[in-house]
C-alpha atoms as a PDB file:
ATOM      1  CA  UNK A   1      -4.424 -11.532 -18.160  1.00  0.00           C
ATOM      2  CA  UNK A   2      -5.810 -11.181 -14.763  1.00  0.00           C
ATOM      3  CA  UNK A   3      -6.154  -7.931 -12.739  1.00  0.00           C
ATOM      4  CA  UNK A   4      -3.334  -8.129 -10.736  1.00  0.00           C
ATOM      5  CA  UNK A   5      -1.160  -8.522 -13.874  1.00  0.00           C
ATOM      6  CA  UNK A   6      -2.942  -5.528 -15.307  1.00  0.00           C
ATOM      7  CA  UNK A   7      -2.161  -3.376 -12.057  1.00  0.00           C
ATOM      8  CA  UNK A   8       0.905  -4.408 -11.236  1.00  0.00           C
ATOM      9  CA  UNK A   9       2.749  -5.777 -14.198  1.00  0.00           C
ATOM     10  CA  UNK A  10       1.703  -3.306 -17.155  1.00  0.00           C
ATOM     11  CA  UNK A  11       0.393  -0.508 -15.585  1.00  0.00           C
ATOM     12  CA  UNK A  12       3.663   0.643 -13.878  1.00  0.00           C
ATOM     13  CA  UNK A  13       4.958   0.772 -17.557  1.00  0.00           C
ATOM     14  CA  UNK A  14       2.022   3.067 -18.950  1.00  0.00           C
ATOM     15  CA  UNK A  15       2.546   5.745 -15.716  1.00  0.00           C
ATOM     16  CA  UNK A  16       5.911   5.854 -15.638  1.00  0.00           C
ATOM     17  CA  UNK A  17       5.707   6.076 -19.287  1.00  0.00           C
ATOM     18  CA  UNK A  18       3.434   9.121 -18.914  1.00  0.00           C
ATOM     19  CA  UNK A  19       5.114  10.436 -16.694  1.00  0.00           C
ATOM     20  CA  UNK A  20       8.502  10.755 -18.680  1.00  0.00           C
ATOM     21  CA  UNK A  21       7.167  11.849 -22.168  1.00  0.00           C
ATOM     22  CA  UNK A  22       4.405  14.107 -20.506  1.00  0.00           C
ATOM     23  CA  UNK A  23       6.685  15.857 -18.526  1.00  0.00           C
ATOM     24  CA  UNK A  24       8.859  16.870 -21.406  1.00  0.00           C
ATOM     25  CA  UNK A  25       6.251  17.223 -23.538  1.00  0.00           C
ATOM     26  CA  UNK A  26       4.936  19.949 -21.169  1.00  0.00           C
ATOM     27  CA  UNK A  27       8.155  21.368 -20.531  1.00  0.00           C
ATOM     28  CA  UNK A  28       8.809  22.401 -24.306  1.00  0.00           C
ATOM     29  CA  UNK A  29       5.302  23.036 -24.969  1.00  0.00           C
ATOM     30  CA  UNK A  30       3.718  25.410 -22.139  1.00  0.00           C
ATOM     31  CA  UNK A  31       7.380  26.285 -20.047  1.00  0.00           C
ATOM     32  CA  UNK A  32       5.072  28.946 -18.334  1.00  0.00           C
ATOM     33  CA  UNK A  33       2.480  26.454 -16.904  1.00  0.00           C
ATOM     34  CA  UNK A  34       5.469  24.876 -15.089  1.00  0.00           C
ATOM     35  CA  UNK A  35       4.928  26.267 -11.624  1.00  0.00           C
ATOM     36  CA  UNK A  36       3.680  25.352  -8.149  1.00  0.00           C
ATOM     37  CA  UNK A  37       1.140  28.614  -9.042  1.00  0.00           C
ATOM     38  CA  UNK A  38       1.175  29.627  -5.332  1.00  0.00           C
ATOM     39  CA  UNK A  39      -1.594  31.810  -3.595  1.00  0.00           C
ATOM     40  CA  UNK A  40       0.583  32.787  -0.613  1.00  0.00           C
ATOM     41  CA  UNK A  41      -0.730  36.741  -1.280  1.00  0.00           C
ATOM     42  CA  UNK A  42      -4.103  35.606  -0.332  1.00  0.00           C
ATOM     43  CA  UNK A  43      -3.534  33.919   2.747  1.00  0.00           C
ATOM     44  CA  UNK A  44       0.142  33.542   3.862  1.00  0.00           C
ATOM     45  CA  UNK A  45       0.431  32.329   7.397  1.00  0.00           C
ATOM     46  CA  UNK A  46      -1.524  29.315   7.255  1.00  0.00           C
ATOM     47  CA  UNK A  47       0.058  28.418   3.780  1.00  0.00           C
ATOM     48  CA  UNK A  48       3.749  28.859   5.334  1.00  0.00           C
ATOM     49  CA  UNK A  49       2.637  26.414   8.070  1.00  0.00           C
ATOM     50  CA  UNK A  50       0.687  24.009   6.341  1.00  0.00           C
ATOM     51  CA  UNK A  51       2.933  23.823   3.134  1.00  0.00           C
ATOM     52  CA  UNK A  52       6.308  23.517   5.870  1.00  0.00           C
ATOM     53  CA  UNK A  53       4.933  20.610   7.261  1.00  0.00           C
ATOM     54  CA  UNK A  54       3.199  19.022   3.971  1.00  0.00           C
ATOM     55  CA  UNK A  55       6.545  19.613   2.012  1.00  0.00           C
ATOM     56  CA  UNK A  56       8.948  18.396   4.893  1.00  0.00           C
ATOM     57  CA  UNK A  57       6.552  15.210   5.435  1.00  0.00           C
ATOM     58  CA  UNK A  58       6.228  14.496   1.754  1.00  0.00           C
ATOM     59  CA  UNK A  59      10.128  14.486   0.921  1.00  0.00           C
ATOM     60  CA  UNK A  60      10.827  12.236   3.831  1.00  0.00           C
ATOM     61  CA  UNK A  61       8.198   9.568   2.599  1.00  0.00           C
ATOM     62  CA  UNK A  62       9.664  10.235  -0.899  1.00  0.00           C
ATOM     63  CA  UNK A  63      13.207   9.514   0.372  1.00  0.00           C
ATOM     64  CA  UNK A  64      12.430   6.815   2.574  1.00  0.00           C
ATOM     65  CA  UNK A  65      10.315   4.925  -0.171  1.00  0.00           C
ATOM     66  CA  UNK A  66      12.791   5.486  -2.737  1.00  0.00           C
ATOM     67  CA  UNK A  67      16.044   4.115  -0.942  1.00  0.00           C
ATOM     68  CA  UNK A  68      13.691   1.507   1.067  1.00  0.00           C
ATOM     69  CA  UNK A  69      11.750   0.123  -2.101  1.00  0.00           C
ATOM     70  CA  UNK A  70      14.901   0.723  -4.401  1.00  0.00           C
ATOM     71  CA  UNK A  71      18.217  -0.378  -2.902  1.00  0.00           C
ATOM     72  CA  UNK A  72      19.025  -4.071  -3.816  1.00  0.00           C
ATOM     73  CA  UNK A  73      18.451  -6.788  -0.712  1.00  0.00           C
ATOM     74  CA  UNK A  74      22.221  -7.883  -1.053  1.00  0.00           C
ATOM     75  CA  UNK A  75      22.890  -4.114   0.334  1.00  0.00           C
ATOM     76  CA  UNK A  76      21.371  -4.174   3.242  1.00  0.00           C
ATOM     77  CA  UNK A  77      22.816  -7.999   3.958  1.00  0.00           C
ATOM     78  CA  UNK A  78      26.212  -6.199   3.469  1.00  0.00           C
ATOM     79  CA  UNK A  79      25.563  -3.766   5.867  1.00  0.00           C
ATOM     80  CA  UNK A  80      24.010  -6.186   8.127  1.00  0.00           C
ATOM     81  CA  UNK A  81      20.757  -4.685   8.432  1.00  0.00           C
ATOM     82  CA  UNK A  82      18.333  -7.101   9.243  1.00  0.00           C
ATOM     83  CA  UNK A  83      14.705  -6.970   7.693  1.00  0.00           C
ATOM     84  CA  UNK A  84      13.353  -6.554  10.572  1.00  0.00           C
ATOM     85  CA  UNK A  85      14.930  -3.384  12.077  1.00  0.00           C
ATOM     86  CA  UNK A  86      14.462  -1.851   8.649  1.00  0.00           C
ATOM     87  CA  UNK A  87      10.503  -2.863   8.512  1.00  0.00           C
ATOM     88  CA  UNK A  88      10.382  -1.192  12.424  1.00  0.00           C
ATOM     89  CA  UNK A  89      12.329   1.883  10.893  1.00  0.00           C
ATOM     90  CA  UNK A  90      10.020   2.364   7.982  1.00  0.00           C
ATOM     91  CA  UNK A  91       6.713   2.544  10.113  1.00  0.00           C
ATOM     92  CA  UNK A  92       8.385   4.542  12.658  1.00  0.00           C
ATOM     93  CA  UNK A  93       9.781   6.871  10.365  1.00  0.00           C
ATOM     94  CA  UNK A  94       7.133   6.571   7.643  1.00  0.00           C
ATOM     95  CA  UNK A  95       4.522   7.114  10.393  1.00  0.00           C
ATOM     96  CA  UNK A  96       5.756  10.354  11.778  1.00  0.00           C
ATOM     97  CA  UNK A  97       6.429  11.814   8.208  1.00  0.00           C
ATOM     98  CA  UNK A  98       3.364  10.507   7.360  1.00  0.00           C
ATOM     99  CA  UNK A  99       1.363  12.355  10.106  1.00  0.00           C
ATOM    100  CA  UNK A 100       3.379  15.185   9.774  1.00  0.00           C
ATOM    101  CA  UNK A 101       2.408  15.608   5.855  1.00  0.00           C
ATOM    102  CA  UNK A 102      -1.252  14.940   6.690  1.00  0.00           C
ATOM    103  CA  UNK A 103      -1.506  17.583   9.162  1.00  0.00           C
ATOM    104  CA  UNK A 104       0.245  20.170   7.136  1.00  0.00           C
ATOM    105  CA  UNK A 105      -1.859  18.852   4.062  1.00  0.00           C
ATOM    106  CA  UNK A 106      -5.171  19.695   5.917  1.00  0.00           C
ATOM    107  CA  UNK A 107      -4.403  22.899   6.630  1.00  0.00           C
ATOM    108  CA  UNK A 108      -3.649  23.494   2.914  1.00  0.00           C
ATOM    109  CA  UNK A 109      -7.082  21.996   2.025  1.00  0.00           C
ATOM    110  CA  UNK A 110      -8.865  23.722   4.638  1.00  0.00           C
ATOM    111  CA  UNK A 111      -7.414  26.767   3.458  1.00  0.00           C
ATOM    112  CA  UNK A 112      -8.267  26.117  -0.229  1.00  0.00           C
ATOM    113  CA  UNK A 113     -11.642  24.949   0.109  1.00  0.00           C
ATOM    114  CA  UNK A 114     -13.020  27.316   2.761  1.00  0.00           C
ATOM    115  CA  UNK A 115     -11.324  30.976   1.578  1.00  0.00           C
ATOM    116  CA  UNK A 116     -13.421  31.983  -0.720  1.00  0.00           C
ATOM    117  CA  UNK A 117     -11.068  34.383  -2.672  1.00  0.00           C
ATOM    118  CA  UNK A 118      -8.523  31.181  -2.454  1.00  0.00           C
ATOM    119  CA  UNK A 119     -11.206  29.251  -3.624  1.00  0.00           C
ATOM    120  CA  UNK A 120     -12.090  31.526  -6.894  1.00  0.00           C
ATOM    121  CA  UNK A 121      -8.640  31.449  -7.821  1.00  0.00           C
ATOM    122  CA  UNK A 122      -7.807  27.730  -7.659  1.00  0.00           C
ATOM    123  CA  UNK A 123      -8.767  25.153 -10.928  1.00  0.00           C
ATOM    124  CA  UNK A 124     -10.011  22.078 -10.543  1.00  0.00           C
ATOM    125  CA  UNK A 125      -6.857  20.307 -10.892  1.00  0.00           C
ATOM    126  CA  UNK A 126      -5.179  22.097  -7.651  1.00  0.00           C
ATOM    127  CA  UNK A 127      -7.776  20.901  -5.398  1.00  0.00           C
ATOM    128  CA  UNK A 128      -7.820  17.135  -6.854  1.00  0.00           C
ATOM    129  CA  UNK A 129      -4.368  16.447  -6.366  1.00  0.00           C
ATOM    130  CA  UNK A 130      -4.353  17.671  -3.079  1.00  0.00           C
ATOM    131  CA  UNK A 131      -7.307  15.607  -1.994  1.00  0.00           C
ATOM    132  CA  UNK A 132      -5.728  12.550  -3.936  1.00  0.00           C
ATOM    133  CA  UNK A 133      -2.346  13.016  -2.072  1.00  0.00           C
ATOM    134  CA  UNK A 134      -4.444  13.491   1.299  1.00  0.00           C
ATOM    135  CA  UNK A 135      -6.351  10.038   0.382  1.00  0.00           C
ATOM    136  CA  UNK A 136      -2.860   8.406  -0.203  1.00  0.00           C
ATOM    137  CA  UNK A 137      -1.430   9.757   3.077  1.00  0.00           C
ATOM    138  CA  UNK A 138      -4.047   7.817   4.837  1.00  0.00           C
ATOM    139  CA  UNK A 139      -3.922   4.752   2.687  1.00  0.00           C
ATOM    140  CA  UNK A 140       0.058   4.514   3.625  1.00  0.00           C
ATOM    141  CA  UNK A 141      -0.967   5.366   7.194  1.00  0.00           C
ATOM    142  CA  UNK A 142      -3.205   2.524   7.046  1.00  0.00           C
ATOM    143  CA  UNK A 143      -0.819   0.207   5.863  1.00  0.00           C
ATOM    144  CA  UNK A 144       1.065   0.627   9.653  1.00  0.00           C
ATOM    145  CA  UNK A 145      -1.259  -1.518  11.755  1.00  0.00           C
ATOM    146  CA  UNK A 146      -0.878  -4.222   8.926  1.00  0.00           C
ATOM    147  CA  UNK A 147       2.834  -4.040   8.510  1.00  0.00           C
ATOM    148  CA  UNK A 148       3.041  -4.595  12.328  1.00  0.00           C
ATOM    149  CA  UNK A 149       1.726  -8.038  11.830  1.00  0.00           C
ATOM    150  CA  UNK A 150       4.669  -9.002   9.847  1.00  0.00           C
ATOM    151  CA  UNK A 151       7.393  -7.429  11.746  1.00  0.00           C
ATOM    152  CA  UNK A 152       9.928 -10.075  10.026  1.00  0.00           C
ATOM    153  CA  UNK A 153      10.025  -7.501   7.061  1.00  0.00           C
ATOM    154  CA  UNK A 154       8.616 -10.552   4.848  1.00  0.00           C
ATOM    155  CA  UNK A 155       6.023  -8.280   3.470  1.00  0.00           C
ATOM    156  CA  UNK A 156       8.558  -5.173   2.694  1.00  0.00           C
ATOM    157  CA  UNK A 157      10.925  -7.824   0.624  1.00  0.00           C
ATOM    158  CA  UNK A 158       7.776  -8.752  -1.463  1.00  0.00           C
ATOM    159  CA  UNK A 159       7.480  -4.626  -2.352  1.00  0.00           C
ATOM    160  CA  UNK A 160      11.190  -4.567  -2.958  1.00  0.00           C
ATOM    161  CA  UNK A 161      11.646  -7.204  -4.997  1.00  0.00           C
ATOM    162  CA  UNK A 162       8.037  -5.670  -7.311  1.00  0.00           C
ATOM    163  CA  UNK A 163       9.504  -2.292  -7.486  1.00  0.00           C
ATOM    164  CA  UNK A 164      13.167  -3.211  -8.533  1.00  0.00           C
ATOM    165  CA  UNK A 165      11.700  -5.725 -10.987  1.00  0.00           C
ATOM    166  CA  UNK A 166       9.666  -3.026 -12.684  1.00  0.00           C
ATOM    167  CA  UNK A 167      12.561  -0.840 -13.192  1.00  0.00           C
ATOM    168  CA  UNK A 168      14.789  -3.941 -14.085  1.00  0.00           C
ATOM    169  CA  UNK A 169      11.995  -5.607 -16.456  1.00  0.00           C
ATOM    170  CA  UNK A 170      11.772  -9.081 -14.778  1.00  0.00           C
ATOM    171  CA  UNK A 171       9.388 -10.964 -16.224  1.00  0.00           C
ATOM    172  CA  UNK A 172       5.961 -11.918 -14.210  1.00  0.00           C
ATOM    173  CA  UNK A 173       6.689  -9.087 -11.753  1.00  0.00           C
ATOM    174  CA  UNK A 174       3.301  -8.685 -10.537  1.00  0.00           C
ATOM    175  CA  UNK A 175       3.283 -11.890  -8.858  1.00  0.00           C
ATOM    176  CA  UNK A 176       5.494 -10.644  -6.278  1.00  0.00           C
ATOM    177  CA  UNK A 177       2.662  -8.673  -4.345  1.00  0.00           C
ATOM    178  CA  UNK A 178      -0.438 -11.223  -5.529  1.00  0.00           C
ATOM    179  CA  UNK A 179      -1.098 -12.523  -2.107  1.00  0.00           C
ATOM    180  CA  UNK A 180      -0.303  -9.018  -0.469  1.00  0.00           C
ATOM    181  CA  UNK A 181      -3.287  -7.251   1.639  1.00  0.00           C
ATOM    182  CA  UNK A 182      -5.980  -4.911  -0.023  1.00  0.00           C
ATOM    183  CA  UNK A 183      -4.711  -1.803   2.049  1.00  0.00           C
ATOM    184  CA  UNK A 184      -1.514  -2.105   0.221  1.00  0.00           C
ATOM    185  CA  UNK A 185      -2.424  -2.807  -3.093  1.00  0.00           C
ATOM    186  CA  UNK A 186      -4.795   0.108  -3.031  1.00  0.00           C
ATOM    187  CA  UNK A 187      -1.545   2.456  -1.929  1.00  0.00           C
ATOM    188  CA  UNK A 188       0.735   1.040  -4.804  1.00  0.00           C
ATOM    189  CA  UNK A 189      -1.939   1.644  -7.373  1.00  0.00           C
ATOM    190  CA  UNK A 190      -3.106   5.072  -6.498  1.00  0.00           C
ATOM    191  CA  UNK A 191       0.781   6.096  -6.468  1.00  0.00           C
ATOM    192  CA  UNK A 192       1.082   4.643  -9.910  1.00  0.00           C
ATOM    193  CA  UNK A 193      -1.862   7.056 -10.885  1.00  0.00           C
ATOM    194  CA  UNK A 194      -0.486  10.063  -9.104  1.00  0.00           C
ATOM    195  CA  UNK A 195       2.757   9.339 -11.405  1.00  0.00           C
ATOM    196  CA  UNK A 196       0.418   9.278 -14.237  1.00  0.00           C
ATOM    197  CA  UNK A 197      -1.126  12.882 -13.746  1.00  0.00           C
ATOM    198  CA  UNK A 198       1.814  13.957 -12.390  1.00  0.00           C
ATOM    199  CA  UNK A 199       2.910  16.152 -15.862  1.00  0.00           C
ATOM    200  CA  UNK A 200      -0.959  17.241 -15.858  1.00  0.00           C
ATOM    201  CA  UNK A 201      -0.496  19.203 -12.462  1.00  0.00           C
ATOM    202  CA  UNK A 202       1.159  21.575 -10.494  1.00  0.00           C
ATOM    203  CA  UNK A 203       3.192  18.788  -8.920  1.00  0.00           C
ATOM    204  CA  UNK A 204       5.689  19.579 -11.989  1.00  0.00           C
ATOM    205  CA  UNK A 205       7.054  21.851  -9.667  1.00  0.00           C
ATOM    206  CA  UNK A 206       8.843  19.275  -7.854  1.00  0.00           C
ATOM    207  CA  UNK A 207      11.493  18.080 -10.743  1.00  0.00           C
ATOM    208  CA  UNK A 208      12.543  21.779 -11.148  1.00  0.00           C
ATOM    209  CA  UNK A 209      12.648  22.803  -7.417  1.00  0.00           C
ATOM    210  CA  UNK A 210      16.102  21.433  -6.692  1.00  0.00           C
ATOM    211  CA  UNK A 211      17.604  23.388  -9.633  1.00  0.00           C
ATOM    212  CA  UNK A 212      15.437  26.718  -9.849  1.00  0.00           C
ATOM    213  CA  UNK A 213      14.342  27.183  -6.608  1.00  0.00           C
ATOM    214  CA  UNK A 214      17.515  26.646  -4.752  1.00  0.00           C
ATOM    215  CA  UNK A 215      19.753  28.495  -7.165  1.00  0.00           C
ATOM    216  CA  UNK A 216      17.756  31.127  -7.398  1.00  0.00           C
ATOM    217  CA  UNK A 217      19.289  34.613  -6.293  1.00  0.00           C
ATOM    218  CA  UNK A 218      18.458  36.677  -3.378  1.00  0.00           C
ATOM    219  CA  UNK A 219      16.992  39.733  -5.279  1.00  0.00           C
ATOM    220  CA  UNK A 220      14.242  40.578  -7.816  1.00  0.00           C
ATOM    221  CA  UNK A 221      14.138  42.570 -10.833  1.00  0.00           C
ATOM    222  CA  UNK A 222      11.284  45.047 -10.945  1.00  0.00           C
ATOM    223  CA  UNK A 223      10.241  47.151 -13.979  1.00  0.00           C
ATOM    224  CA  UNK A 224       8.714  50.521 -12.915  1.00  0.00           C
ATOM    225  CA  UNK A 225       5.737  52.042 -15.193  1.00  0.00           C
ATOM    226  CA  UNK A 226       6.561  55.587 -13.971  1.00  0.00           C
ATOM    227  CA  UNK A 227       8.485  58.083 -16.067  1.00  0.00           C
ATOM    228  CA  UNK A 228      12.047  59.237 -15.283  1.00  0.00           C
ATOM    229  CA  UNK A 229      13.283  62.591 -16.171  1.00  0.00           C
ATOM    230  CA  UNK A 230      15.953  62.336 -18.277  1.00  0.00           C
ATOM    231  CA  UNK A 231      19.303  64.026 -17.298  1.00  0.00           C
ATOM    232  CA  UNK A 232      20.315  66.504 -18.967  1.00  0.00           C
ATOM    233  CA  UNK A 233      24.149  66.196 -17.778  1.00  0.00           C
ATOM    234  CA  UNK A 234      23.765  63.321 -20.123  1.00  0.00           C
ATOM    235  CA  UNK A 235      23.678  64.728 -22.873  1.00  0.00           C
ATOM    236  CA  UNK A 236      26.682  67.643 -22.727  1.00  0.00           C
ATOM    237  CA  UNK A 237      29.387  65.339 -23.339  1.00  0.00           C
ATOM    238  CA  UNK A 238      28.129  64.324 -26.713  1.00  0.00           C
ATOM    239  CA  UNK A 239      27.608  67.869 -27.870  1.00  0.00           C
ATOM    240  CA  UNK A 240      30.503  69.430 -26.246  1.00  0.00           C
ATOM    241  CA  UNK A 241      32.740  69.265 -28.902  1.00  0.00           C
ATOM    242  CA  UNK A 242      30.432  70.568 -31.926  1.00  0.00           C
ATOM    243  CA  UNK A 243      29.272  73.550 -29.833  1.00  0.00           C
ATOM    244  CA  UNK A 244      32.737  74.192 -28.824  1.00  0.00           C
ATOM    245  CA  UNK A 245      33.866  74.238 -32.599  1.00  0.00           C
ATOM    246  CA  UNK A 246      31.163  76.465 -33.745  1.00  0.00           C
ATOM    247  CA  UNK A 247      31.442  79.078 -30.881  1.00  0.00           C
ATOM    248  CA  UNK A 248      35.526  79.379 -32.376  1.00  0.00           C
ATOM    249  CA  UNK A 249      34.381  79.751 -35.532  1.00  0.00           C
ATOM    250  CA  UNK A 250      31.648  82.479 -34.595  1.00  0.00           C
ATOM    251  CA  UNK A 251      34.866  84.597 -33.038  1.00  0.00           C
ATOM    252  CA  UNK A 252      37.043  84.109 -36.040  1.00  0.00           C
ATOM    253  CA  UNK A 253      34.167  85.381 -38.660  1.00  0.00           C
ATOM    254  CA  UNK A 254      33.633  88.128 -36.031  1.00  0.00           C
ATOM    255  CA  UNK A 255      37.432  89.282 -36.101  1.00  0.00           C
END
């Protein structure tokens, strides 16, 4: 088995299996670590700007890859969308989203590396995964000049067949990308590596964000440590009846 078969025929199933099983195990055994670990209180302005650009760009890229790679070819043909037009749309939209995410990621990385307080409160995994994502964005943007040489969409068809073949368990699926450019292969391999390490990083909050973050309430429960004085009137109804009965008994005895 050659390296191409290992990377693009076997490695995808390893990465996807670890992603699924690892995420379930982490959520079950370590639910309190299932979070993004925000450092907003330490330096808010740069975080808001960088995080907004980064997340908008990454979500656009993810949506484009998901629709572009996993939508069957016959659907595009039925919609009369030419492969060349789809290729051009992917380059333009993906390029803009990639630049936006790269700019936001640069702000986040600068903040995490050069702010002493944030650097002390950051784990190795927090910084490492951000660097890996930045490298992946650079690789993705580097594929655009190469894709421009194949504006007929022929290269994109190879990646569509490969991605759909992985999820449908086609045999010899790695053959689809055997003769593609190195930058594409590096982009695919690093993307699968990101899926592999996904359950062990802060990226897991992406799975819960649509459920928890968009559905959370607009208020926060705060528990105070202050000792509040007890109100005597709350005790009055409880002892009012016995006290009245005792007073009546004393009056009867006096008579």
